[in-house]
Amino acid sequence: MSNKEGSGGFRKRKHDNFPHNQRREGKDVNSSSPVMLAFKSFQQELDARHDKYERLVKLSRDITVESKRTIFLLHRITSAPDMEDILTESEIKLDGVRQKIFQVAQELSGEDMHQFHRAITTGLQEYVEAVSFQHFIKTRSLISMDEINKQLIFTTEDNGKENKTDKQFGTWRLRVTPVDYLLGVADLTGELMRMCINSVGNGDIDTPFEVSQFLRQVYDGFSFIGNTGPYEVSKKLYTLKQSLAKVENACYALKVRGSEIPKHMLADVFSVKTEMIDQEEGIS
């Protein structure tokens, strides 16, 4: 009872510091005063920035979804009879993704990209993953950050419209940051590991060795960064190491037992060994 009275007394004393007549004086503040006008402009600026941030988040979500669909499409290459058809379709999908990135570039025109980077980083990482996956399938090499950024220069031409005050033509550019590029490449290693699994299941014994050599080079590159890079990069290094171990284990099974196991059973052997690695990692 005393505690209630004490808390009630505290609330009463707190309200006593602001008499009723003084609390109502705020309604009589002059809205045209310089201070009120300044805060109204601050409010408008913050509201506009918040709205832009939300639009960028939505665009980033669309970029992520379309990039994932492109990756799922590219995984069909291991079992498709005509690889060129899938590559052509994936390029069409990536063009659609780039149109979304073009909208992001327009939103960021005249703005500091780093103030809105958190809103778009997820989409850019997924786009880097999709583009680098397609590039690896074509060339068995890693696409550079400069090559990716060259694809993100957008130019719209004046179609002879009389209304030239409408700023619908010009050049826009969006640059993928080094962190976005590294995180996208780190995610690529997981897709290559899945590609290796699918290839083994279809009797392709060359792709796993190509993927293994490529992943080893990527892992060595990330090892040079180590703990000096951003936290997200060092965190994904462990996942990259897991993917590399699974692919190397598949190559080991193919090299040692490939001649004695029928091609249609290689996927079963690989999946069993992958489960053993997962169990060992769980125990450790």
Protein backbone atom coordinates (compact mmCIF):
# COMPACT_ATOMS: atom_id res chain seq x y z
CA MET A 1 0.00 0.00 0.00
CA SER A 2 2.82 2.34 0.89
CA ASN A 3 4.49 1.59 -2.45
CA LYS A 4 1.36 2.57 -4.32
CA GLU A 5 1.05 5.74 -2.33
CA GLY A 6 4.73 6.46 -2.95
CA SER A 7 4.42 5.94 -6.70
CA GLY A 8 1.17 7.92 -6.77
CA GLY A 9 2.81 10.66 -4.77
CA PHE A 10 5.73 10.69 -7.18
CA ARG A 11 3.40 11.04 -10.15
CA LYS A 12 1.53 13.82 -8.38
CA ARG A 13 4.73 15.70 -7.62
CA LYS A 14 5.84 15.23 -11.21
CA HIS A 15 2.64 16.78 -12.52
CA ASP A 16 2.86 19.57 -9.99
CA ASN A 17 5.95 20.81 -11.81
CA PHE A 18 3.78 21.56 -14.87
CA PRO A 19 0.63 23.42 -13.80
CA HIS A 20 -2.44 23.05 -15.98
CA ASN A 21 -2.38 26.61 -17.25
CA GLN A 22 1.27 26.36 -18.32
CA ARG A 23 0.78 23.06 -20.16
CA ARG A 24 -1.88 24.62 -22.36
CA GLU A 25 0.27 27.53 -23.41
CA GLY A 26 1.75 25.43 -26.23
CA LYS A 27 -1.46 25.83 -28.21
CA ASP A 28 -0.88 29.58 -28.44
CA VAL A 29 2.58 29.30 -30.05
CA ASN A 30 2.91 31.50 -33.12
CA SER A 31 3.11 29.15 -36.11
CA SER A 32 4.79 31.82 -38.21
CA SER A 33 7.72 32.27 -35.84
CA PRO A 34 11.19 31.57 -37.29
CA VAL A 35 11.67 28.60 -34.94
CA MET A 36 8.38 26.94 -35.94
CA LEU A 37 9.07 27.55 -39.63
CA ALA A 38 12.53 26.01 -39.26
CA PHE A 39 11.16 22.89 -37.57
CA LYS A 40 8.45 22.57 -40.22
CA SER A 41 11.13 22.54 -42.90
CA PHE A 42 13.03 19.91 -40.89
CA GLN A 43 9.86 17.83 -40.71
CA GLN A 44 9.29 18.04 -44.46
CA GLU A 45 12.90 17.10 -45.17
CA LEU A 46 12.81 14.13 -42.81
CA ASP A 47 9.46 12.94 -44.21
CA ALA A 48 10.79 13.15 -47.77
CA ARG A 49 13.93 11.23 -46.78
CA HIS A 50 11.89 8.56 -45.01
CA ASP A 51 9.60 8.15 -48.04
CA LYS A 52 12.62 7.81 -50.33
CA TYR A 53 14.15 5.23 -48.00
CA GLU A 54 10.93 3.17 -48.07
CA ARG A 55 10.79 3.32 -51.87
CA LEU A 56 14.39 2.11 -52.04
CA VAL A 57 13.63 -0.77 -49.66
CA LYS A 58 10.78 -1.87 -51.91
CA LEU A 59 12.97 -1.66 -55.02
CA SER A 60 15.71 -3.62 -53.25
CA ARG A 61 13.17 -6.32 -52.37
CA ASP A 62 12.09 -6.55 -56.01
CA ILE A 63 15.74 -6.77 -57.13
CA THR A 64 16.35 -9.57 -54.63
CA VAL A 65 13.33 -11.58 -55.79
CA GLU A 66 14.12 -11.27 -59.49
CA SER A 67 17.80 -12.07 -58.93
CA LYS A 68 16.86 -15.23 -57.02
CA ARG A 69 14.59 -16.29 -59.87
CA THR A 70 17.49 -15.82 -62.28
CA ILE A 71 19.70 -18.02 -60.09
CA PHE A 72 17.03 -20.74 -59.94
CA LEU A 73 16.80 -20.58 -63.73
CA LEU A 74 20.55 -20.92 -64.14
CA HIS A 75 20.59 -24.04 -61.98
CA ARG A 76 18.54 -25.77 -64.67
CA ILE A 77 21.55 -25.63 -66.99
CA THR A 78 23.02 -28.84 -65.57
CA SER A 79 20.02 -30.84 -66.79
CA ALA A 80 18.84 -28.75 -69.77
CA PRO A 81 19.52 -30.04 -73.29
CA ASP A 82 20.25 -26.55 -74.68
CA MET A 83 22.34 -24.30 -72.46
CA GLU A 84 22.10 -21.29 -74.77
CA ASP A 85 18.35 -21.00 -74.36
CA ILE A 86 18.65 -20.74 -70.59
CA LEU A 87 21.51 -18.24 -70.83
CA THR A 88 19.43 -16.09 -73.19
CA GLU A 89 16.44 -16.24 -70.85
CA SER A 90 18.64 -15.40 -67.86
CA GLU A 91 20.02 -12.35 -69.69
CA ILE A 92 16.45 -11.13 -70.28
CA LYS A 93 15.71 -11.54 -66.58
CA LEU A 94 18.90 -9.69 -65.61
CA ASP A 95 17.94 -6.85 -67.95
CA GLY A 96 14.70 -6.60 -65.99
CA VAL A 97 16.69 -6.48 -62.75
CA ARG A 98 18.87 -3.72 -64.18
CA GLN A 99 15.75 -1.70 -64.93
CA LYS A 100 14.92 -1.87 -61.22
CA ILE A 101 18.47 -0.75 -60.43
CA PHE A 102 17.95 2.11 -62.89
CA GLN A 103 15.00 3.25 -60.76
CA VAL A 104 17.26 3.09 -57.71
CA ALA A 105 19.84 5.23 -59.52
CA GLN A 106 17.14 7.77 -60.32
CA GLU A 107 16.02 7.86 -56.70
CA LEU A 108 19.62 8.42 -55.57
CA SER A 109 20.29 11.15 -58.12
CA GLY A 110 21.77 14.11 -56.23
CA GLU A 111 21.83 12.14 -52.95
CA ASP A 112 24.65 10.66 -50.93
CA MET A 113 24.38 6.94 -51.69
CA HIS A 114 25.93 5.94 -48.38
CA GLN A 115 23.03 7.50 -46.46
CA PHE A 116 20.66 5.06 -48.19
CA HIS A 117 23.09 2.16 -48.66
CA ARG A 118 21.48 0.01 -45.99
CA ALA A 119 18.17 0.12 -47.87
CA ILE A 120 19.62 -1.28 -51.11
CA THR A 121 22.59 -3.42 -50.06
CA THR A 122 20.61 -6.70 -49.92
CA GLY A 123 19.35 -6.29 -53.46
CA LEU A 124 22.77 -5.33 -54.81
CA GLN A 125 24.39 -8.36 -53.17
CA GLU A 126 21.81 -10.67 -54.72
CA TYR A 127 22.30 -9.04 -58.12
CA VAL A 128 26.08 -9.50 -57.86
CA GLU A 129 25.50 -13.15 -57.00
CA ALA A 130 23.22 -13.68 -60.03
CA VAL A 131 25.51 -11.85 -62.49
CA SER A 132 28.65 -13.60 -61.25
CA PHE A 133 26.90 -16.99 -61.40
CA GLN A 134 25.90 -16.40 -65.01
CA HIS A 135 29.42 -15.19 -65.84
CA PHE A 136 30.98 -18.29 -64.27
CA ILE A 137 28.74 -20.59 -66.30
CA LYS A 138 29.78 -18.80 -69.49
CA THR A 139 33.50 -18.32 -68.88
CA ARG A 140 34.45 -20.39 -65.78
CA SER A 141 35.91 -17.20 -64.28
CA LEU A 142 34.95 -14.48 -61.81
CA ILE A 143 33.44 -11.24 -63.06
CA SER A 144 35.18 -8.12 -61.78
CA MET A 145 33.52 -5.27 -59.90
CA ASP A 146 34.39 -2.89 -62.73
CA GLU A 147 32.57 -5.09 -65.24
CA ILE A 148 29.49 -5.12 -63.04
CA ASN A 149 29.55 -1.35 -62.60
CA LYS A 150 29.89 -0.83 -66.37
CA GLN A 151 26.55 -2.60 -66.78
CA LEU A 152 24.96 -0.17 -64.31
CA ILE A 153 25.42 2.97 -66.42
CA PHE A 154 22.02 3.94 -67.78
CA THR A 155 21.45 6.37 -70.62
CA THR A 156 18.04 7.51 -71.82
CA GLU A 157 17.78 9.48 -75.03
CA ASP A 158 15.54 12.39 -75.98
CA ASN A 159 12.91 11.02 -78.35
CA GLY A 160 12.17 14.42 -79.89
CA LYS A 161 9.50 15.40 -77.44
CA GLU A 162 8.71 19.09 -77.30
CA ASN A 163 8.58 19.16 -73.53
CA LYS A 164 12.29 19.23 -72.79
CA THR A 165 11.77 20.55 -69.27
CA ASP A 166 10.86 17.02 -68.23
CA LYS A 167 14.09 15.43 -67.01
CA GLN A 168 13.44 12.00 -68.49
CA PHE A 169 16.67 11.78 -70.50
CA GLY A 170 20.24 11.79 -69.36
CA THR A 171 22.80 9.47 -67.74
CA TRP A 172 22.47 7.71 -64.40
CA ARG A 173 25.05 5.55 -62.68
CA LEU A 174 24.94 3.26 -59.68
CA ARG A 175 28.14 1.82 -58.28
CA VAL A 176 28.31 -1.48 -56.45
CA THR A 177 30.46 -0.95 -53.37
CA PRO A 178 33.40 -3.29 -52.61
CA VAL A 179 31.50 -4.70 -49.62
CA ASP A 180 28.43 -5.49 -51.74
CA TYR A 181 30.69 -7.15 -54.30
CA LEU A 182 32.53 -9.28 -51.73
CA LEU A 183 29.34 -10.39 -50.02
CA GLY A 184 27.75 -11.26 -53.36
CA VAL A 185 30.78 -13.35 -54.36
CA ALA A 186 30.71 -15.07 -50.96
CA ASP A 187 27.07 -16.06 -51.58
CA LEU A 188 28.04 -17.24 -55.07
CA THR A 189 30.12 -20.04 -53.55
CA GLY A 190 26.98 -21.62 -52.10
CA GLU A 191 25.32 -21.64 -55.52
CA LEU A 192 28.41 -23.20 -57.08
CA MET A 193 28.32 -25.92 -54.45
CA ARG A 194 24.70 -26.67 -55.43
CA MET A 195 25.71 -26.63 -59.08
CA CYS A 196 28.38 -29.20 -58.26
CA ILE A 197 25.77 -31.45 -56.60
CA ASN A 198 23.46 -31.21 -59.61
CA SER A 199 26.32 -31.91 -62.00
CA VAL A 200 27.35 -35.04 -60.12
CA GLY A 201 23.75 -36.22 -60.14
CA ASN A 202 23.66 -35.89 -63.92
CA GLY A 203 26.91 -37.79 -64.40
CA ASP A 204 29.06 -34.71 -65.15
CA ILE A 205 32.45 -35.46 -63.62
CA ASP A 206 34.30 -32.44 -65.05
CA THR A 207 32.32 -29.58 -63.51
CA PRO A 208 33.04 -30.54 -59.87
CA PHE A 209 36.80 -30.28 -60.44
CA GLU A 210 36.42 -26.93 -62.22
CA VAL A 211 34.24 -25.62 -59.38
CA SER A 212 36.66 -26.95 -56.77
CA GLN A 213 39.62 -25.15 -58.32
CA PHE A 214 37.63 -21.92 -58.63
CA LEU A 215 36.37 -22.07 -55.03
CA ARG A 216 39.89 -22.68 -53.77
CA GLN A 217 41.05 -19.49 -55.50
CA VAL A 218 38.11 -17.52 -54.08
CA TYR A 219 38.78 -18.88 -50.59
CA ASP A 220 42.45 -17.94 -50.84
CA GLY A 221 41.44 -14.42 -51.84
CA PHE A 222 39.09 -14.08 -48.89
CA SER A 223 41.75 -15.46 -46.57
CA PHE A 224 43.98 -12.50 -47.44
CA ILE A 225 41.23 -10.19 -46.16
CA GLY A 226 40.76 -12.20 -42.96
CA ASN A 227 39.52 -10.19 -39.99
CA THR A 228 40.64 -6.87 -41.47
CA GLY A 229 37.54 -6.58 -43.63
CA PRO A 230 33.92 -5.84 -42.64
CA TYR A 231 32.26 -8.10 -40.09
CA GLU A 232 29.83 -9.52 -42.67
CA VAL A 233 32.73 -10.68 -44.86
CA SER A 234 34.53 -12.52 -42.06
CA LYS A 235 31.23 -14.12 -41.01
CA LYS A 236 30.58 -15.51 -44.49
CA LEU A 237 34.12 -16.87 -44.70
CA TYR A 238 33.03 -19.83 -42.55
CA THR A 239 30.16 -20.65 -44.93
CA LEU A 240 32.54 -20.38 -47.87
CA LYS A 241 34.88 -22.86 -46.18
CA GLN A 242 31.97 -25.29 -45.71
CA SER A 243 31.03 -25.07 -49.39
CA LEU A 244 34.63 -25.65 -50.42
CA ALA A 245 34.92 -28.69 -48.15
CA LYS A 246 31.77 -30.25 -49.64
CA VAL A 247 32.95 -29.71 -53.21
CA GLU A 248 36.44 -31.07 -52.45
CA ASN A 249 34.86 -34.08 -50.80
CA ALA A 250 32.83 -34.71 -53.96
CA CYS A 251 35.97 -34.47 -56.08
CA TYR A 252 37.71 -36.91 -53.74
CA ALA A 253 34.86 -39.40 -54.12
CA LEU A 254 34.91 -39.02 -57.88
CA LYS A 255 38.68 -39.42 -58.13
CA VAL A 256 38.99 -42.41 -55.80
CA ARG A 257 35.75 -44.27 -56.46
CA GLY A 258 34.52 -42.75 -59.71
CA SER A 259 35.70 -45.65 -61.84
CA GLU A 260 33.93 -48.27 -59.74
CA ILE A 261 30.63 -46.45 -59.18
CA PRO A 262 28.08 -46.04 -61.99
CA LYS A 263 27.41 -42.44 -62.94
CA HIS A 264 23.78 -42.55 -61.88
CA MET A 265 24.86 -43.53 -58.33
CA LEU A 266 27.50 -40.83 -57.85
CA ALA A 267 24.96 -38.36 -56.47
CA ASP A 268 23.98 -40.83 -53.72
CA VAL A 269 27.59 -41.29 -52.66
CA PHE A 270 28.12 -37.54 -52.62
CA SER A 271 24.99 -36.86 -50.57
CA VAL A 272 26.01 -39.46 -47.95
CA LYS A 273 29.47 -37.92 -47.56
CA THR A 274 27.93 -34.42 -47.35
CA GLU A 275 25.71 -35.57 -44.48
CA MET A 276 28.77 -36.98 -42.70
CA ILE A 277 30.57 -33.63 -42.99
CA ASP A 278 27.51 -31.79 -41.64
CA GLN A 279 27.33 -34.16 -38.67
CA GLU A 280 31.02 -33.72 -37.90
CA GLU A 281 30.65 -29.93 -38.03
CA GLY A 282 27.66 -30.13 -35.72
CA ILE A 283 29.63 -32.19 -33.19
CA SER A 284 32.63 -29.86 -33.29
